[in-house]
PDB file of N, CA and C in Angstrom:
ATOM      1  N   MET A   1     -13.277   3.787 -19.496  1.00  0.00           N
ATOM      2  CA  MET A   1     -11.927   3.638 -18.989  1.00  0.00           C
ATOM      3  C   MET A   1     -11.058   3.069 -20.116  1.00  0.00           C
ATOM      4  N   PRO A   2      -9.890   3.650 -20.352  1.00  0.00           N
ATOM      5  CA  PRO A   2      -9.004   3.120 -21.389  1.00  0.00           C
ATOM      6  C   PRO A   2      -8.550   1.701 -21.062  1.00  0.00           C
ATOM      7  N   LYS A   3      -8.280   0.914 -22.088  1.00  0.00           N
ATOM      8  CA  LYS A   3      -7.848  -0.467 -21.880  1.00  0.00           C
ATOM      9  C   LYS A   3      -6.539  -0.540 -21.111  1.00  0.00           C
ATOM     10  N   SER A   4      -5.696   0.471 -21.240  1.00  0.00           N
ATOM     11  CA  SER A   4      -4.416   0.453 -20.529  1.00  0.00           C
ATOM     12  C   SER A   4      -4.594   0.568 -19.020  1.00  0.00           C
ATOM     13  N   LEU A   5      -5.741   1.054 -18.566  1.00  0.00           N
ATOM     14  CA  LEU A   5      -6.022   1.166 -17.140  1.00  0.00           C
ATOM     15  C   LEU A   5      -6.978   0.087 -16.648  1.00  0.00           C
ATOM     16  N   GLY A   6      -7.150  -0.948 -17.438  1.00  0.00           N
ATOM     17  CA  GLY A   6      -8.066  -2.029 -17.078  1.00  0.00           C
ATOM     18  C   GLY A   6      -7.666  -2.767 -15.816  1.00  0.00           C
ATOM     19  N   PHE A   7      -6.378  -2.758 -15.489  1.00  0.00           N
ATOM     20  CA  PHE A   7      -5.922  -3.448 -14.274  1.00  0.00           C
ATOM     21  C   PHE A   7      -6.486  -2.809 -13.009  1.00  0.00           C
ATOM     22  N   LEU A   8      -6.966  -1.574 -13.099  1.00  0.00           N
ATOM     23  CA  LEU A   8      -7.527  -0.901 -11.932  1.00  0.00           C
ATOM     24  C   LEU A   8      -8.916  -1.416 -11.560  1.00  0.00           C
ATOM     25  N   ARG A   9      -9.486  -2.260 -12.404  1.00  0.00           N
ATOM     26  CA  ARG A   9     -10.796  -2.826 -12.080  1.00  0.00           C
ATOM     27  C   ARG A   9     -10.710  -3.823 -10.939  1.00  0.00           C
ATOM     28  N   ASP A  10      -9.544  -4.420 -10.761  1.00  0.00           N
ATOM     29  CA  ASP A  10      -9.347  -5.349  -9.650  1.00  0.00           C
ATOM     30  C   ASP A  10      -9.231  -4.523  -8.369  1.00  0.00           C
ATOM     31  N   SER A  11     -10.116  -4.778  -7.423  1.00  0.00           N
ATOM     32  CA  SER A  11     -10.156  -3.957  -6.212  1.00  0.00           C
ATOM     33  C   SER A  11      -8.887  -4.087  -5.382  1.00  0.00           C
ATOM     34  N   SER A  12      -8.226  -5.237  -5.417  1.00  0.00           N
ATOM     35  CA  SER A  12      -7.016  -5.377  -4.603  1.00  0.00           C
ATOM     36  C   SER A  12      -5.874  -4.540  -5.168  1.00  0.00           C
ATOM     37  N   VAL A  13      -5.808  -4.392  -6.483  1.00  0.00           N
ATOM     38  CA  VAL A  13      -4.773  -3.547  -7.094  1.00  0.00           C
ATOM     39  C   VAL A  13      -5.031  -2.085  -6.753  1.00  0.00           C
ATOM     40  N   THR A  14      -6.270  -1.672  -6.892  1.00  0.00           N
ATOM     41  CA  THR A  14      -6.630  -0.297  -6.565  1.00  0.00           C
ATOM     42  C   THR A  14      -6.386  -0.005  -5.091  1.00  0.00           C
ATOM     43  N   LEU A  15      -6.732  -0.949  -4.242  1.00  0.00           N
ATOM     44  CA  LEU A  15      -6.512  -0.780  -2.808  1.00  0.00           C
ATOM     45  C   LEU A  15      -5.019  -0.709  -2.489  1.00  0.00           C
ATOM     46  N   ALA A  16      -4.210  -1.548  -3.114  1.00  0.00           N
ATOM     47  CA  ALA A  16      -2.762  -1.533  -2.876  1.00  0.00           C
ATOM     48  C   ALA A  16      -2.155  -0.200  -3.303  1.00  0.00           C
ATOM     49  N   LEU A  17      -2.566   0.320  -4.447  1.00  0.00           N
ATOM     50  CA  LEU A  17      -2.055   1.611  -4.903  1.00  0.00           C
ATOM     51  C   LEU A  17      -2.498   2.746  -3.976  1.00  0.00           C
ATOM     52  N   THR A  18      -3.740   2.678  -3.523  1.00  0.00           N
ATOM     53  CA  THR A  18      -4.242   3.695  -2.608  1.00  0.00           C
ATOM     54  C   THR A  18      -3.490   3.656  -1.281  1.00  0.00           C
ATOM     55  N   MET A  19      -3.261   2.451  -0.769  1.00  0.00           N
ATOM     56  CA  MET A  19      -2.537   2.328   0.498  1.00  0.00           C
ATOM     57  C   MET A  19      -1.095   2.797   0.356  1.00  0.00           C
ATOM     58  N   ALA A  20      -0.455   2.488  -0.774  1.00  0.00           N
ATOM     59  CA  ALA A  20       0.920   2.948  -0.996  1.00  0.00           C
ATOM     60  C   ALA A  20       0.970   4.466  -0.996  1.00  0.00           C
ATOM     61  N   LEU A  21       0.015   5.079  -1.660  1.00  0.00           N
ATOM     62  CA  LEU A  21      -0.047   6.531  -1.686  1.00  0.00           C
ATOM     63  C   LEU A  21      -0.262   7.094  -0.280  1.00  0.00           C
ATOM     64  N   MET A  22      -1.132   6.461   0.489  1.00  0.00           N
ATOM     65  CA  MET A  22      -1.389   6.929   1.854  1.00  0.00           C
ATOM     66  C   MET A  22      -0.150   6.771   2.734  1.00  0.00           C
ATOM     67  N   PHE A  23       0.580   5.663   2.600  1.00  0.00           N
ATOM     68  CA  PHE A  23       1.811   5.474   3.369  1.00  0.00           C
ATOM     69  C   PHE A  23       2.812   6.568   3.052  1.00  0.00           C
ATOM     70  N   ILE A  24       2.946   6.912   1.774  1.00  0.00           N
ATOM     71  CA  ILE A  24       3.898   7.953   1.378  1.00  0.00           C
ATOM     72  C   ILE A  24       3.477   9.316   1.921  1.00  0.00           C
ATOM     73  N   ILE A  25       2.185   9.615   1.853  1.00  0.00           N
ATOM     74  CA  ILE A  25       1.696  10.906   2.349  1.00  0.00           C
ATOM     75  C   ILE A  25       1.919  11.021   3.854  1.00  0.00           C
ATOM     76  N   VAL A  26       1.572   9.973   4.599  1.00  0.00           N
ATOM     77  CA  VAL A  26       1.756  10.008   6.055  1.00  0.00           C
ATOM     78  C   VAL A  26       3.236  10.119   6.401  1.00  0.00           C
ATOM     79  N   ALA A  27       4.080   9.373   5.699  1.00  0.00           N
ATOM     80  CA  ALA A  27       5.520   9.446   5.956  1.00  0.00           C
ATOM     81  C   ALA A  27       6.061  10.839   5.633  1.00  0.00           C
ATOM     82  N   ALA A  28       5.550  11.448   4.585  1.00  0.00           N
ATOM     83  CA  ALA A  28       6.005  12.794   4.219  1.00  0.00           C
ATOM     84  C   ALA A  28       5.603  13.817   5.285  1.00  0.00           C
ATOM     85  N   PHE A  29       4.385  13.681   5.827  1.00  0.00           N
ATOM     86  CA  PHE A  29       3.953  14.596   6.881  1.00  0.00           C
ATOM     87  C   PHE A  29       4.715  14.349   8.183  1.00  0.00           C
ATOM     88  N   THR A  30       5.096  13.106   8.411  1.00  0.00           N
ATOM     89  CA  THR A  30       5.875  12.786   9.604  1.00  0.00           C
ATOM     90  C   THR A  30       7.243  13.435   9.530  1.00  0.00           C
ATOM     91  N   GLY A  31       7.784  13.485   8.335  1.00  0.00           N
ATOM     92  CA  GLY A  31       9.070  14.133   8.127  1.00  0.00           C
ATOM     93  C   GLY A  31      10.172  13.143   7.815  1.00  0.00           C
ATOM     94  N   PRO A  32      10.982  13.464   6.807  1.00  0.00           N
ATOM     95  CA  PRO A  32      12.057  12.561   6.415  1.00  0.00           C
ATOM     96  C   PRO A  32      13.057  12.310   7.536  1.00  0.00           C
ATOM     97  N   ASP A  33      13.329  13.328   8.344  1.00  0.00           N
ATOM     98  CA  ASP A  33      14.302  13.153   9.426  1.00  0.00           C
ATOM     99  C   ASP A  33      13.846  12.093  10.422  1.00  0.00           C
ATOM    100  N   PHE A  34      12.598  12.173  10.830  1.00  0.00           N
ATOM    101  CA  PHE A  34      12.075  11.199  11.798  1.00  0.00           C
ATOM    102  C   PHE A  34      12.086   9.794  11.219  1.00  0.00           C
ATOM    103  N   ILE A  35      11.608   9.649   9.988  1.00  0.00           N
ATOM    104  CA  ILE A  35      11.548   8.326   9.358  1.00  0.00           C
ATOM    105  C   ILE A  35      12.938   7.752   9.176  1.00  0.00           C
ATOM    106  N   GLU A  36      13.841   8.536   8.612  1.00  0.00           N
ATOM    107  CA  GLU A  36      15.165   8.019   8.274  1.00  0.00           C
ATOM    108  C   GLU A  36      16.037   7.783   9.500  1.00  0.00           C
ATOM    109  N   LYS A  37      15.858   8.564  10.552  1.00  0.00           N
ATOM    110  CA  LYS A  37      16.728   8.422  11.725  1.00  0.00           C
ATOM    111  C   LYS A  37      16.158   7.491  12.790  1.00  0.00           C
ATOM    112  N   LYS A  38      14.840   7.513  12.983  1.00  0.00           N
ATOM    113  CA  LYS A  38      14.270   6.772  14.116  1.00  0.00           C
ATOM    114  C   LYS A  38      13.495   5.520  13.717  1.00  0.00           C
ATOM    115  N   ARG A  39      12.948   5.456  12.522  1.00  0.00           N
ATOM    116  CA  ARG A  39      12.086   4.332  12.176  1.00  0.00           C
ATOM    117  C   ARG A  39      12.706   3.362  11.178  1.00  0.00           C
ATOM    118  N   SER A  40      13.434   3.870  10.189  1.00  0.00           N
ATOM    119  CA  SER A  40      13.854   3.005   9.089  1.00  0.00           C
ATOM    120  C   SER A  40      15.312   2.615   9.121  1.00  0.00           C
ATOM    121  N   GLY A  41      16.066   3.129  10.062  1.00  0.00           N
ATOM    122  CA  GLY A  41      17.482   2.798  10.113  1.00  0.00           C
ATOM    123  C   GLY A  41      18.282   3.389   8.971  1.00  0.00           C
ATOM    124  N   GLY A  42      17.873   4.537   8.475  1.00  0.00           N
ATOM    125  CA  GLY A  42      18.601   5.217   7.417  1.00  0.00           C
ATOM    126  C   GLY A  42      18.049   5.006   6.017  1.00  0.00           C
ATOM    127  N   THR A  43      16.997   4.226   5.890  1.00  0.00           N
ATOM    128  CA  THR A  43      16.391   3.985   4.572  1.00  0.00           C
ATOM    129  C   THR A  43      15.616   5.222   4.123  1.00  0.00           C
ATOM    130  N   ASN A  44      15.623   5.450   2.831  1.00  0.00           N
ATOM    131  CA  ASN A  44      14.908   6.572   2.231  1.00  0.00           C
ATOM    132  C   ASN A  44      13.428   6.527   2.618  1.00  0.00           C
ATOM    133  N   LEU A  45      12.825   7.693   2.724  1.00  0.00           N
ATOM    134  CA  LEU A  45      11.422   7.842   3.113  1.00  0.00           C
ATOM    135  C   LEU A  45      10.480   7.067   2.189  1.00  0.00           C
ATOM    136  N   ILE A  46      10.642   7.219   0.899  1.00  0.00           N
ATOM    137  CA  ILE A  46       9.735   6.564  -0.057  1.00  0.00           C
ATOM    138  C   ILE A  46       9.978   5.068  -0.090  1.00  0.00           C
ATOM    139  N   VAL A  47      11.238   4.672  -0.061  1.00  0.00           N
ATOM    140  CA  VAL A  47      11.552   3.243  -0.070  1.00  0.00           C
ATOM    141  C   VAL A  47      10.992   2.575   1.187  1.00  0.00           C
ATOM    142  N   PHE A  48      11.144   3.221   2.325  1.00  0.00           N
ATOM    143  CA  PHE A  48      10.604   2.673   3.571  1.00  0.00           C
ATOM    144  C   PHE A  48       9.084   2.560   3.508  1.00  0.00           C
ATOM    145  N   SER A  49       8.432   3.496   2.842  1.00  0.00           N
ATOM    146  CA  SER A  49       6.972   3.475   2.739  1.00  0.00           C
ATOM    147  C   SER A  49       6.476   2.335   1.864  1.00  0.00           C
ATOM    148  N   LEU A  50       7.309   1.839   0.994  1.00  0.00           N
ATOM    149  CA  LEU A  50       6.884   0.797   0.057  1.00  0.00           C
ATOM    150  C   LEU A  50       7.538  -0.558   0.318  1.00  0.00           C
ATOM    151  N   THR A  51       8.134  -0.735   1.467  1.00  0.00           N
ATOM    152  CA  THR A  51       8.842  -1.982   1.756  1.00  0.00           C
ATOM    153  C   THR A  51       7.888  -3.159   1.883  1.00  0.00           C
ATOM    154  N   PRO A  52       8.428  -4.355   1.768  1.00  0.00           N
ATOM    155  CA  PRO A  52       7.586  -5.555   1.907  1.00  0.00           C
ATOM    156  C   PRO A  52       6.892  -5.677   3.256  1.00  0.00           C
ATOM    157  N   ASN A  53       7.360  -4.963   4.268  1.00  0.00           N
ATOM    158  CA  ASN A  53       6.664  -5.005   5.556  1.00  0.00           C
ATOM    159  C   ASN A  53       5.213  -4.565   5.404  1.00  0.00           C
ATOM    160  N   HIS A  54       4.972  -3.629   4.529  1.00  0.00           N
ATOM    161  CA  HIS A  54       3.612  -3.141   4.327  1.00  0.00           C
ATOM    162  C   HIS A  54       2.810  -4.062   3.417  1.00  0.00           C
ATOM    163  N   SER A  55       3.493  -4.887   2.634  1.00  0.00           N
ATOM    164  CA  SER A  55       2.770  -5.784   1.737  1.00  0.00           C
ATOM    165  C   SER A  55       2.009  -6.846   2.510  1.00  0.00           C
ATOM    166  N   ILE A  56       2.419  -7.115   3.757  1.00  0.00           N
ATOM    167  CA  ILE A  56       1.668  -8.053   4.587  1.00  0.00           C
ATOM    168  C   ILE A  56       0.245  -7.538   4.770  1.00  0.00           C
ATOM    169  N   CYS A  57       0.126  -6.256   4.988  1.00  0.00           N
ATOM    170  CA  CYS A  57      -1.195  -5.646   5.138  1.00  0.00           C
ATOM    171  C   CYS A  57      -1.997  -5.800   3.852  1.00  0.00           C
ATOM    172  N   TRP A  58      -1.345  -5.592   2.701  1.00  0.00           N
ATOM    173  CA  TRP A  58      -2.040  -5.733   1.428  1.00  0.00           C
ATOM    174  C   TRP A  58      -2.506  -7.167   1.220  1.00  0.00           C
ATOM    175  N   ARG A  59      -1.680  -8.143   1.607  1.00  0.00           N
ATOM    176  CA  ARG A  59      -2.072  -9.548   1.451  1.00  0.00           C
ATOM    177  C   ARG A  59      -3.276  -9.866   2.312  1.00  0.00           C
ATOM    178  N   ARG A  60      -3.285  -9.359   3.533  1.00  0.00           N
ATOM    179  CA  ARG A  60      -4.416  -9.619   4.419  1.00  0.00           C
ATOM    180  C   ARG A  60      -5.694  -8.992   3.881  1.00  0.00           C
ATOM    181  N   LEU A  61      -5.598  -7.775   3.383  1.00  0.00           N
ATOM    182  CA  LEU A  61      -6.785  -7.134   2.828  1.00  0.00           C
ATOM    183  C   LEU A  61      -7.271  -7.861   1.579  1.00  0.00           C
ATOM    184  N   HIS A  62      -6.340  -8.356   0.762  1.00  0.00           N
ATOM    185  CA  HIS A  62      -6.743  -9.118  -0.419  1.00  0.00           C
ATOM    186  C   HIS A  62      -7.454 -10.394   0.010  1.00  0.00           C
ATOM    187  N   LEU A  63      -6.984 -11.041   1.051  1.00  0.00           N
ATOM    188  CA  LEU A  63      -7.625 -12.244   1.555  1.00  0.00           C
ATOM    189  C   LEU A  63      -9.034 -11.935   2.047  1.00  0.00           C
ATOM    190  N   VAL A  64      -9.191 -10.831   2.762  1.00  0.00           N
ATOM    191  CA  VAL A  64     -10.514 -10.444   3.255  1.00  0.00           C
ATOM    192  C   VAL A  64     -11.446 -10.140   2.073  1.00  0.00           C
ATOM    193  N   LEU A  65     -10.953  -9.418   1.085  1.00  0.00           N
ATOM    194  CA  LEU A  65     -11.782  -9.099  -0.081  1.00  0.00           C
ATOM    195  C   LEU A  65     -12.165 -10.353  -0.858  1.00  0.00           C
ATOM    196  N   ALA A  66     -11.209 -11.257  -1.049  1.00  0.00           N
ATOM    197  CA  ALA A  66     -11.492 -12.482  -1.802  1.00  0.00           C
ATOM    198  C   ALA A  66     -12.499 -13.342  -1.041  1.00  0.00           C
ATOM    199  N   THR A  67     -12.373 -13.394   0.278  1.00  0.00           N
ATOM    200  CA  THR A  67     -13.315 -14.168   1.089  1.00  0.00           C
ATOM    201  C   THR A  67     -14.705 -13.558   1.019  1.00  0.00           C
ATOM    202  N   ALA A  68     -14.782 -12.239   1.044  1.00  0.00           N
ATOM    203  CA  ALA A  68     -16.083 -11.577   0.959  1.00  0.00           C
ATOM    204  C   ALA A  68     -16.744 -11.826  -0.384  1.00  0.00           C
ATOM    205  N   VAL A  69     -15.943 -11.842  -1.446  1.00  0.00           N
ATOM    206  CA  VAL A  69     -16.493 -12.100  -2.782  1.00  0.00           C
ATOM    207  C   VAL A  69     -17.017 -13.534  -2.872  1.00  0.00           C
ATOM    208  N   LEU A  70     -16.239 -14.467  -2.352  1.00  0.00           N
ATOM    209  CA  LEU A  70     -16.662 -15.872  -2.389  1.00  0.00           C
ATOM    210  C   LEU A  70     -17.898 -16.118  -1.527  1.00  0.00           C
ATOM    211  N   ALA A  71     -17.970 -15.447  -0.395  1.00  0.00           N
ATOM    212  CA  ALA A  71     -19.116 -15.632   0.482  1.00  0.00           C
ATOM    213  C   ALA A  71     -20.384 -15.032  -0.126  1.00  0.00           C
ATOM    214  N   GLY A  72     -20.209 -13.996  -0.919  1.00  0.00           N
ATOM    215  CA  GLY A  72     -21.348 -13.340  -1.540  1.00  0.00           C
ATOM    216  C   GLY A  72     -21.896 -14.075  -2.749  1.00  0.00           C
ATOM    217  N   SER A  73     -21.110 -14.996  -3.308  1.00  0.00           N
ATOM    218  CA  SER A  73     -21.606 -15.685  -4.522  1.00  0.00           C
ATOM    219  C   SER A  73     -22.193 -17.033  -4.240  1.00  0.00           C
TER     220      SER A  73
END
């Protein structure tokens, strides 16, 4: 792995990027009209997919991963 991609070794970073990609894919399949008119209050599809509301999920998963690592050592 190139040194420039070394940050991907941290599982929480990789998980956050994977989840962001999944949020965007699901939002795209749902359709921009539905997201922008009914769910986000007019916010762009991609921006809505990456809002801090979803970062709560990332924080919780990071906490679970960190706890699992500590419990295993």
